[in-house]
Amino acid sequence: MNASAVTTLRFAMGKAIKRASGATLDLLLPPQCAACDAPVGAPGQLCAACFGQATLLADPCCKHCGAPVDPDWSGLACLDCATRPPPWRQARAAFRYDVLSRRLILPLKYADRPELARALAGPMVRAGAALLREADLLVPVPLHRSRLFARRYNQAALLARECGRLAQKPTLLDALQRTRATQPLHEKGPAARQAELSGAIRANPAHLARLRGVRAVLVDDVLTSGATAAACTGALLAAGAAHVDLLAAARTLRDDGEDEDG
């Protein structure tokens, strides 16, 4: 048997062992719904009851921020974006930031549940399919090193990696850097948010050549006021990106609570 055949056989055996191991684990620990304890067919899925509670954001929506709009406005900007256009080109989110999506996002963000990134990535990729088709690179919103140390991982980076895997697009997890820690933004007004983030996010100097001319998709967990996304978009455009689109797991609407602290 030649070396190529041996390599092929090893690869096939490895996949078979991985499938068998996964099946054994499923027998011992059956997969549970990502939002509750109900049994599901595979890890990272929602049960029928939880899926029924989810508010998925689909067309018609504002072309700039992804917020739902009246069908007569399909493909157009909402009033807020028409008045104050965001610096990114387009944005989409999978879920409304409500009770169900909080049960996925908050444990991912604060309760050491990194596996929930996979549960969120599928709906994100479906919602952002048009953006991802054009994308050259996925870039996560960065965390400051102090917050990264406390959490052990950047939830936006996990989402970007899972979305990139599903969409078969490259990711650059450290494309952006937070140069200093910032305070939570949810209690600040628009001007205060902008001041808080001024100069706090930059393109990684080691990746400037990689970012020049790319069509980037910025990935985050929740789109609230857009202040953080705007700062990240400005940094990518300053580094020479051709344009920036935004893909989030969820977005707040006018009546929703806010959660924007990085």
C-alpha atoms as a PDB file:
ATOM      1  CA  MET A   1       0.000   0.000   0.000  1.00  0.00           C
ATOM      2  CA  ASN A   2       1.498   3.337  -1.061  1.00  0.00           C
ATOM      3  CA  ALA A   3       1.780   6.402   1.172  1.00  0.00           C
ATOM      4  CA  SER A   4      -1.225   8.126  -0.418  1.00  0.00           C
ATOM      5  CA  ALA A   5      -3.472   5.117   0.198  1.00  0.00           C
ATOM      6  CA  VAL A   6      -2.270   4.877   3.812  1.00  0.00           C
ATOM      7  CA  THR A   7      -3.077   8.564   4.375  1.00  0.00           C
ATOM      8  CA  THR A   8      -6.550   8.131   2.857  1.00  0.00           C
ATOM      9  CA  LEU A   9      -7.211   5.062   5.003  1.00  0.00           C
ATOM     10  CA  ARG A  10      -6.098   6.867   8.163  1.00  0.00           C
ATOM     11  CA  PHE A  11      -8.363   9.811   7.358  1.00  0.00           C
ATOM     12  CA  ALA A  12     -11.357   7.527   6.773  1.00  0.00           C
ATOM     13  CA  MET A  13     -10.652   5.603   9.977  1.00  0.00           C
ATOM     14  CA  GLY A  14     -10.365   8.833  11.923  1.00  0.00           C
ATOM     15  CA  LYS A  15     -13.757  10.031  10.672  1.00  0.00           C
ATOM     16  CA  ALA A  16     -15.345   6.664  11.483  1.00  0.00           C
ATOM     17  CA  ILE A  17     -13.911   6.713  15.010  1.00  0.00           C
ATOM     18  CA  LYS A  18     -15.130  10.281  15.522  1.00  0.00           C
ATOM     19  CA  ARG A  19     -18.657   9.342  14.377  1.00  0.00           C
ATOM     20  CA  ALA A  20     -18.687   6.270  16.623  1.00  0.00           C
ATOM     21  CA  SER A  21     -17.443   8.288  19.586  1.00  0.00           C
ATOM     22  CA  GLY A  22     -20.135  10.901  19.003  1.00  0.00           C
ATOM     23  CA  ALA A  23     -22.841   8.246  18.806  1.00  0.00           C
ATOM     24  CA  THR A  24     -21.629   6.659  22.046  1.00  0.00           C
ATOM     25  CA  LEU A  25     -21.605  10.040  23.784  1.00  0.00           C
ATOM     26  CA  ASP A  26     -25.152  10.724  22.564  1.00  0.00           C
ATOM     27  CA  LEU A  27     -26.290   7.432  24.108  1.00  0.00           C
ATOM     28  CA  LEU A  28     -24.668   8.278  27.434  1.00  0.00           C
ATOM     29  CA  LEU A  29     -25.557  11.979  27.405  1.00  0.00           C
ATOM     30  CA  PRO A  30     -28.457  12.607  24.980  1.00  0.00           C
ATOM     31  CA  PRO A  31     -28.353  16.070  23.336  1.00  0.00           C
ATOM     32  CA  GLN A  32     -30.484  18.706  25.025  1.00  0.00           C
ATOM     33  CA  CYS A  33     -32.112  21.844  23.675  1.00  0.00           C
ATOM     34  CA  ALA A  34     -29.724  24.790  23.714  1.00  0.00           C
ATOM     35  CA  ALA A  35     -32.298  26.858  25.624  1.00  0.00           C
ATOM     36  CA  CYS A  36     -33.865  24.252  27.933  1.00  0.00           C
ATOM     37  CA  ASP A  37     -33.459  20.620  29.012  1.00  0.00           C
ATOM     38  CA  ALA A  38     -35.700  19.003  26.391  1.00  0.00           C
ATOM     39  CA  PRO A  39     -34.157  16.260  24.236  1.00  0.00           C
ATOM     40  CA  VAL A  40     -33.217  17.157  20.655  1.00  0.00           C
ATOM     41  CA  GLY A  41     -31.739  15.334  17.697  1.00  0.00           C
ATOM     42  CA  ALA A  42     -28.279  16.887  17.775  1.00  0.00           C
ATOM     43  CA  PRO A  43     -26.204  19.218  19.976  1.00  0.00           C
ATOM     44  CA  GLY A  44     -26.835  22.906  19.398  1.00  0.00           C
ATOM     45  CA  GLN A  45     -30.452  22.550  18.316  1.00  0.00           C
ATOM     46  CA  LEU A  46     -33.569  24.153  19.766  1.00  0.00           C
ATOM     47  CA  CYS A  47     -36.521  21.995  20.701  1.00  0.00           C
ATOM     48  CA  ALA A  48     -39.820  22.646  18.925  1.00  0.00           C
ATOM     49  CA  ALA A  49     -41.246  24.539  21.911  1.00  0.00           C
ATOM     50  CA  CYS A  50     -38.288  26.918  22.206  1.00  0.00           C
ATOM     51  CA  PHE A  51     -38.035  27.381  18.454  1.00  0.00           C
ATOM     52  CA  GLY A  52     -41.684  28.392  18.492  1.00  0.00           C
ATOM     53  CA  GLN A  53     -40.866  31.125  21.023  1.00  0.00           C
ATOM     54  CA  ALA A  54     -38.002  32.539  18.951  1.00  0.00           C
ATOM     55  CA  THR A  55     -38.536  35.796  17.090  1.00  0.00           C
ATOM     56  CA  LEU A  56     -36.504  35.384  13.921  1.00  0.00           C
ATOM     57  CA  LEU A  57     -35.805  38.569  11.973  1.00  0.00           C
ATOM     58  CA  ALA A  58     -36.494  38.129   8.284  1.00  0.00           C
ATOM     59  CA  ASP A  59     -37.366  40.326   5.328  1.00  0.00           C
ATOM     60  CA  PRO A  60     -38.715  42.931   4.994  1.00  0.00           C
ATOM     61  CA  CYS A  61     -36.098  44.770   7.013  1.00  0.00           C
ATOM     62  CA  CYS A  62     -34.060  47.962   6.834  1.00  0.00           C
ATOM     63  CA  LYS A  63     -31.160  47.515   4.449  1.00  0.00           C
ATOM     64  CA  HIS A  64     -28.765  49.283   6.855  1.00  0.00           C
ATOM     65  CA  CYS A  65     -29.627  48.029  10.338  1.00  0.00           C
ATOM     66  CA  GLY A  66     -31.750  44.924   9.793  1.00  0.00           C
ATOM     67  CA  ALA A  67     -34.699  46.175  11.848  1.00  0.00           C
ATOM     68  CA  PRO A  68     -38.130  45.022  10.646  1.00  0.00           C
ATOM     69  CA  VAL A  69     -39.932  47.514   8.404  1.00  0.00           C
ATOM     70  CA  ASP A  70     -43.299  47.747   6.737  1.00  0.00           C
ATOM     71  CA  PRO A  71     -43.453  45.675   3.515  1.00  0.00           C
ATOM     72  CA  ASP A  72     -43.836  48.899   1.521  1.00  0.00           C
ATOM     73  CA  TRP A  73     -40.344  49.863   2.748  1.00  0.00           C
ATOM     74  CA  SER A  74     -38.700  46.592   1.716  1.00  0.00           C
ATOM     75  CA  GLY A  75     -35.144  47.185   0.523  1.00  0.00           C
ATOM     76  CA  LEU A  76     -35.119  50.733   1.856  1.00  0.00           C
ATOM     77  CA  ALA A  77     -33.663  52.371   4.949  1.00  0.00           C
ATOM     78  CA  CYS A  78     -35.738  52.807   8.091  1.00  0.00           C
ATOM     79  CA  LEU A  79     -36.389  56.347   9.297  1.00  0.00           C
ATOM     80  CA  ASP A  80     -33.502  56.239  11.815  1.00  0.00           C
ATOM     81  CA  CYS A  81     -30.970  55.049   9.212  1.00  0.00           C
ATOM     82  CA  ALA A  82     -32.276  57.449   6.582  1.00  0.00           C
ATOM     83  CA  THR A  83     -31.744  60.299   9.060  1.00  0.00           C
ATOM     84  CA  ARG A  84     -28.404  59.079  10.447  1.00  0.00           C
ATOM     85  CA  PRO A  85     -26.877  56.475   8.102  1.00  0.00           C
ATOM     86  CA  PRO A  86     -24.526  54.078   9.926  1.00  0.00           C
ATOM     87  CA  PRO A  87     -20.930  53.720   8.747  1.00  0.00           C
ATOM     88  CA  TRP A  88     -21.381  50.067   7.820  1.00  0.00           C
ATOM     89  CA  ARG A  89     -23.094  49.105   4.566  1.00  0.00           C
ATOM     90  CA  GLN A  90     -25.692  46.526   5.621  1.00  0.00           C
ATOM     91  CA  ALA A  91     -26.617  44.667   8.800  1.00  0.00           C
ATOM     92  CA  ARG A  92     -28.580  41.541   9.619  1.00  0.00           C
ATOM     93  CA  ALA A  93     -29.415  39.765  12.856  1.00  0.00           C
ATOM     94  CA  ALA A  94     -30.869  36.314  13.413  1.00  0.00           C
ATOM     95  CA  PHE A  95     -33.105  37.015  16.415  1.00  0.00           C
ATOM     96  CA  ARG A  96     -34.908  39.801  18.168  1.00  0.00           C
ATOM     97  CA  TYR A  97     -33.209  40.313  21.535  1.00  0.00           C
ATOM     98  CA  ASP A  98     -36.028  38.904  23.645  1.00  0.00           C
ATOM     99  CA  VAL A  99     -36.592  36.255  26.309  1.00  0.00           C
ATOM    100  CA  LEU A 100     -35.631  33.287  24.128  1.00  0.00           C
ATOM    101  CA  SER A 101     -32.525  34.802  22.537  1.00  0.00           C
ATOM    102  CA  ARG A 102     -31.347  36.018  25.953  1.00  0.00           C
ATOM    103  CA  ARG A 103     -31.436  32.383  27.127  1.00  0.00           C
ATOM    104  CA  LEU A 104     -28.859  31.640  24.454  1.00  0.00           C
ATOM    105  CA  ILE A 105     -26.749  34.796  24.415  1.00  0.00           C
ATOM    106  CA  LEU A 106     -26.374  35.646  28.106  1.00  0.00           C
ATOM    107  CA  PRO A 107     -25.055  32.199  29.141  1.00  0.00           C
ATOM    108  CA  LEU A 108     -22.655  32.305  26.181  1.00  0.00           C
ATOM    109  CA  LYS A 109     -21.469  35.724  27.282  1.00  0.00           C
ATOM    110  CA  TYR A 110     -21.417  35.444  31.060  1.00  0.00           C
ATOM    111  CA  ALA A 111     -21.912  31.823  32.188  1.00  0.00           C
ATOM    112  CA  ASP A 112     -19.085  29.916  30.493  1.00  0.00           C
ATOM    113  CA  ARG A 113     -21.272  28.255  27.860  1.00  0.00           C
ATOM    114  CA  PRO A 114     -19.124  28.541  24.695  1.00  0.00           C
ATOM    115  CA  GLU A 115     -20.986  25.662  23.031  1.00  0.00           C
ATOM    116  CA  LEU A 116     -23.968  28.000  22.560  1.00  0.00           C
ATOM    117  CA  ALA A 117     -22.052  29.776  19.792  1.00  0.00           C
ATOM    118  CA  ARG A 118     -22.802  26.794  17.564  1.00  0.00           C
ATOM    119  CA  ALA A 119     -26.531  27.012  18.339  1.00  0.00           C
ATOM    120  CA  LEU A 120     -26.569  30.689  17.361  1.00  0.00           C
ATOM    121  CA  ALA A 121     -24.351  30.407  14.285  1.00  0.00           C
ATOM    122  CA  GLY A 122     -26.825  28.459  12.153  1.00  0.00           C
ATOM    123  CA  PRO A 123     -29.596  31.067  12.367  1.00  0.00           C
ATOM    124  CA  MET A 124     -26.999  33.823  11.919  1.00  0.00           C
ATOM    125  CA  VAL A 125     -25.679  32.296   8.706  1.00  0.00           C
ATOM    126  CA  ARG A 126     -29.198  31.914   7.347  1.00  0.00           C
ATOM    127  CA  ALA A 127     -30.089  35.514   8.229  1.00  0.00           C
ATOM    128  CA  GLY A 128     -26.840  36.875   6.801  1.00  0.00           C
ATOM    129  CA  ALA A 129     -26.628  34.668   3.713  1.00  0.00           C
ATOM    130  CA  ALA A 130     -26.554  37.596   1.281  1.00  0.00           C
ATOM    131  CA  LEU A 131     -23.820  39.373   3.253  1.00  0.00           C
ATOM    132  CA  LEU A 132     -21.738  36.236   3.614  1.00  0.00           C
ATOM    133  CA  ARG A 133     -21.861  35.434  -0.100  1.00  0.00           C
ATOM    134  CA  GLU A 134     -19.974  38.671  -0.798  1.00  0.00           C
ATOM    135  CA  ALA A 135     -17.645  38.495   2.204  1.00  0.00           C
ATOM    136  CA  ASP A 136     -13.906  38.008   1.993  1.00  0.00           C
ATOM    137  CA  LEU A 137     -13.345  37.865   5.738  1.00  0.00           C
ATOM    138  CA  LEU A 138     -15.234  37.590   9.035  1.00  0.00           C
ATOM    139  CA  VAL A 139     -14.016  39.801  11.882  1.00  0.00           C
ATOM    140  CA  PRO A 140     -15.303  39.689  15.482  1.00  0.00           C
ATOM    141  CA  VAL A 141     -15.867  42.691  17.717  1.00  0.00           C
ATOM    142  CA  PRO A 142     -12.860  42.602  20.084  1.00  0.00           C
ATOM    143  CA  LEU A 143     -12.710  42.384  23.870  1.00  0.00           C
ATOM    144  CA  HIS A 144     -10.162  44.226  25.974  1.00  0.00           C
ATOM    145  CA  ARG A 145      -7.585  41.849  27.440  1.00  0.00           C
ATOM    146  CA  SER A 146      -8.861  42.423  30.988  1.00  0.00           C
ATOM    147  CA  ARG A 147     -12.370  41.307  30.047  1.00  0.00           C
ATOM    148  CA  LEU A 148     -10.986  38.486  27.938  1.00  0.00           C
ATOM    149  CA  PHE A 149      -9.001  37.251  30.928  1.00  0.00           C
ATOM    150  CA  ALA A 150     -12.111  37.310  33.118  1.00  0.00           C
ATOM    151  CA  ARG A 151     -14.339  35.492  30.595  1.00  0.00           C
ATOM    152  CA  ARG A 152     -11.611  33.251  29.101  1.00  0.00           C
ATOM    153  CA  TYR A 153     -12.982  33.738  25.600  1.00  0.00           C
ATOM    154  CA  ASN A 154     -14.481  36.384  23.339  1.00  0.00           C
ATOM    155  CA  GLN A 155     -18.069  35.407  22.565  1.00  0.00           C
ATOM    156  CA  ALA A 156     -18.002  37.381  19.304  1.00  0.00           C
ATOM    157  CA  ALA A 157     -14.901  35.475  18.214  1.00  0.00           C
ATOM    158  CA  LEU A 158     -16.646  32.153  18.895  1.00  0.00           C
ATOM    159  CA  LEU A 159     -19.625  33.297  16.830  1.00  0.00           C
ATOM    160  CA  ALA A 160     -17.370  34.475  13.987  1.00  0.00           C
ATOM    161  CA  ARG A 161     -15.492  31.173  13.962  1.00  0.00           C
ATOM    162  CA  GLU A 162     -18.694  29.101  13.875  1.00  0.00           C
ATOM    163  CA  CYS A 163     -20.277  31.317  11.203  1.00  0.00           C
ATOM    164  CA  GLY A 164     -17.101  31.128   9.139  1.00  0.00           C
ATOM    165  CA  ARG A 165     -17.085  27.343   9.424  1.00  0.00           C
ATOM    166  CA  LEU A 166     -20.705  27.040   8.275  1.00  0.00           C
ATOM    167  CA  ALA A 167     -20.383  29.635   5.498  1.00  0.00           C
ATOM    168  CA  GLN A 168     -16.921  28.394   4.477  1.00  0.00           C
ATOM    169  CA  LYS A 169     -15.450  31.854   4.845  1.00  0.00           C
ATOM    170  CA  PRO A 170     -12.113  32.780   6.478  1.00  0.00           C
ATOM    171  CA  THR A 171     -12.037  34.511   9.846  1.00  0.00           C
ATOM    172  CA  LEU A 172      -9.424  36.795  11.366  1.00  0.00           C
ATOM    173  CA  LEU A 173     -10.101  36.649  15.079  1.00  0.00           C
ATOM    174  CA  ASP A 174      -7.583  39.306  16.118  1.00  0.00           C
ATOM    175  CA  ALA A 175      -8.155  41.720  13.237  1.00  0.00           C
ATOM    176  CA  LEU A 176      -9.282  44.391  15.715  1.00  0.00           C
ATOM    177  CA  GLN A 177      -7.922  45.367  19.115  1.00  0.00           C
ATOM    178  CA  ARG A 178      -9.318  47.281  22.084  1.00  0.00           C
ATOM    179  CA  THR A 179      -6.593  49.653  23.134  1.00  0.00           C
ATOM    180  CA  ARG A 180      -8.205  50.316  26.519  1.00  0.00           C
ATOM    181  CA  ALA A 181     -11.026  49.005  28.658  1.00  0.00           C
ATOM    182  CA  THR A 182     -14.353  50.786  28.218  1.00  0.00           C
ATOM    183  CA  GLN A 183     -17.271  51.207  30.571  1.00  0.00           C
ATOM    184  CA  PRO A 184     -20.655  49.542  29.890  1.00  0.00           C
ATOM    185  CA  LEU A 185     -22.624  51.612  27.407  1.00  0.00           C
ATOM    186  CA  HIS A 186     -26.222  50.722  28.191  1.00  0.00           C
ATOM    187  CA  GLU A 187     -26.772  53.645  30.583  1.00  0.00           C
ATOM    188  CA  LYS A 188     -25.070  56.237  28.374  1.00  0.00           C
ATOM    189  CA  GLY A 189     -26.606  58.493  25.740  1.00  0.00           C
ATOM    190  CA  PRO A 190     -25.405  58.560  22.120  1.00  0.00           C
ATOM    191  CA  ALA A 191     -22.790  61.296  22.635  1.00  0.00           C
ATOM    192  CA  ALA A 192     -21.436  59.632  25.778  1.00  0.00           C
ATOM    193  CA  ARG A 193     -21.197  56.268  24.021  1.00  0.00           C
ATOM    194  CA  GLN A 194     -19.250  57.806  21.189  1.00  0.00           C
ATOM    195  CA  ALA A 195     -16.911  59.562  23.619  1.00  0.00           C
ATOM    196  CA  GLU A 196     -16.393  56.354  25.608  1.00  0.00           C
ATOM    197  CA  LEU A 197     -15.357  54.439  22.482  1.00  0.00           C
ATOM    198  CA  SER A 198     -13.286  57.204  20.892  1.00  0.00           C
ATOM    199  CA  GLY A 199      -9.860  55.757  20.121  1.00  0.00           C
ATOM    200  CA  ALA A 200     -10.636  52.522  21.980  1.00  0.00           C
ATOM    201  CA  ILE A 201     -10.692  50.227  18.939  1.00  0.00           C
ATOM    202  CA  ARG A 202      -8.109  49.954  16.197  1.00  0.00           C
ATOM    203  CA  ALA A 203      -7.044  47.553  13.470  1.00  0.00           C
ATOM    204  CA  ASN A 204      -4.300  45.171  14.560  1.00  0.00           C
ATOM    205  CA  PRO A 205      -1.065  46.608  13.090  1.00  0.00           C
ATOM    206  CA  ALA A 206       0.071  43.069  12.276  1.00  0.00           C
ATOM    207  CA  HIS A 207      -2.873  42.581   9.897  1.00  0.00           C
ATOM    208  CA  LEU A 208      -3.057  45.862   7.989  1.00  0.00           C
ATOM    209  CA  ALA A 209      -1.991  44.246   4.716  1.00  0.00           C
ATOM    210  CA  ARG A 210      -4.599  41.511   5.138  1.00  0.00           C
ATOM    211  CA  LEU A 211      -7.394  44.028   5.739  1.00  0.00           C
ATOM    212  CA  ARG A 212      -6.667  46.299   2.798  1.00  0.00           C
ATOM    213  CA  GLY A 213      -9.403  46.042   0.176  1.00  0.00           C
ATOM    214  CA  VAL A 214     -11.393  43.277   1.891  1.00  0.00           C
ATOM    215  CA  ARG A 215     -15.141  43.023   2.072  1.00  0.00           C
ATOM    216  CA  ALA A 216     -15.472  42.424   5.781  1.00  0.00           C
ATOM    217  CA  VAL A 217     -18.351  41.109   7.854  1.00  0.00           C
ATOM    218  CA  LEU A 218     -18.166  42.297  11.451  1.00  0.00           C
ATOM    219  CA  VAL A 219     -19.644  39.741  13.866  1.00  0.00           C
ATOM    220  CA  ASP A 220     -21.138  40.490  17.284  1.00  0.00           C
ATOM    221  CA  ASP A 221     -23.599  38.963  19.729  1.00  0.00           C
ATOM    222  CA  VAL A 222     -26.083  41.840  20.156  1.00  0.00           C
ATOM    223  CA  LEU A 223     -26.646  44.978  18.113  1.00  0.00           C
ATOM    224  CA  THR A 224     -28.064  47.679  20.402  1.00  0.00           C
ATOM    225  CA  SER A 225     -27.271  51.318  19.692  1.00  0.00           C
ATOM    226  CA  GLY A 226     -24.623  50.458  17.122  1.00  0.00           C
ATOM    227  CA  ALA A 227     -21.936  52.512  18.903  1.00  0.00           C
ATOM    228  CA  THR A 228     -19.507  49.605  19.255  1.00  0.00           C
ATOM    229  CA  ALA A 229     -20.165  48.395  15.720  1.00  0.00           C
ATOM    230  CA  ALA A 230     -19.597  51.918  14.406  1.00  0.00           C
ATOM    231  CA  ALA A 231     -16.236  52.164  16.179  1.00  0.00           C
ATOM    232  CA  CYS A 232     -15.174  48.789  14.781  1.00  0.00           C
ATOM    233  CA  THR A 233     -16.386  49.703  11.310  1.00  0.00           C
ATOM    234  CA  GLY A 234     -14.438  52.962  11.427  1.00  0.00           C
ATOM    235  CA  ALA A 235     -11.269  51.074  12.375  1.00  0.00           C
ATOM    236  CA  LEU A 236     -11.698  48.588   9.520  1.00  0.00           C
ATOM    237  CA  LEU A 237     -12.392  51.322   6.965  1.00  0.00           C
ATOM    238  CA  ALA A 238      -9.395  53.294   8.214  1.00  0.00           C
ATOM    239  CA  ALA A 239      -7.300  50.162   7.633  1.00  0.00           C
ATOM    240  CA  GLY A 240      -8.447  50.102   4.008  1.00  0.00           C
ATOM    241  CA  ALA A 241     -11.389  47.676   4.010  1.00  0.00           C
ATOM    242  CA  ALA A 242     -13.536  48.062   0.894  1.00  0.00           C
ATOM    243  CA  HIS A 243     -16.721  47.955   2.935  1.00  0.00           C
ATOM    244  CA  VAL A 244     -18.047  46.521   6.185  1.00  0.00           C
ATOM    245  CA  ASP A 245     -21.283  44.627   6.766  1.00  0.00           C
ATOM    246  CA  LEU A 246     -22.564  43.635  10.183  1.00  0.00           C
ATOM    247  CA  LEU A 247     -23.913  40.269  11.338  1.00  0.00           C
ATOM    248  CA  ALA A 248     -25.276  39.823  14.868  1.00  0.00           C
ATOM    249  CA  ALA A 249     -26.919  36.996  16.750  1.00  0.00           C
ATOM    250  CA  ALA A 250     -29.672  39.353  17.915  1.00  0.00           C
ATOM    251  CA  ARG A 251     -30.644  42.976  17.809  1.00  0.00           C
ATOM    252  CA  THR A 252     -32.722  45.125  20.095  1.00  0.00           C
ATOM    253  CA  LEU A 253     -35.789  46.898  18.825  1.00  0.00           C
ATOM    254  CA  ARG A 254     -37.264  50.069  20.260  1.00  0.00           C
ATOM    255  CA  ASP A 255     -39.044  48.400  23.172  1.00  0.00           C
ATOM    256  CA  ASP A 256     -36.294  45.942  24.123  1.00  0.00           C
ATOM    257  CA  GLY A 257     -33.803  46.213  26.966  1.00  0.00           C
ATOM    258  CA  GLU A 258     -30.228  47.028  26.126  1.00  0.00           C
ATOM    259  CA  ASP A 259     -27.072  44.967  26.578  1.00  0.00           C
ATOM    260  CA  GLU A 260     -24.061  46.679  25.090  1.00  0.00           C
ATOM    261  CA  ASP A 261     -20.892  46.421  27.101  1.00  0.00           C
ATOM    262  CA  GLY A 262     -18.622  44.342  24.875  1.00  0.00           C
END
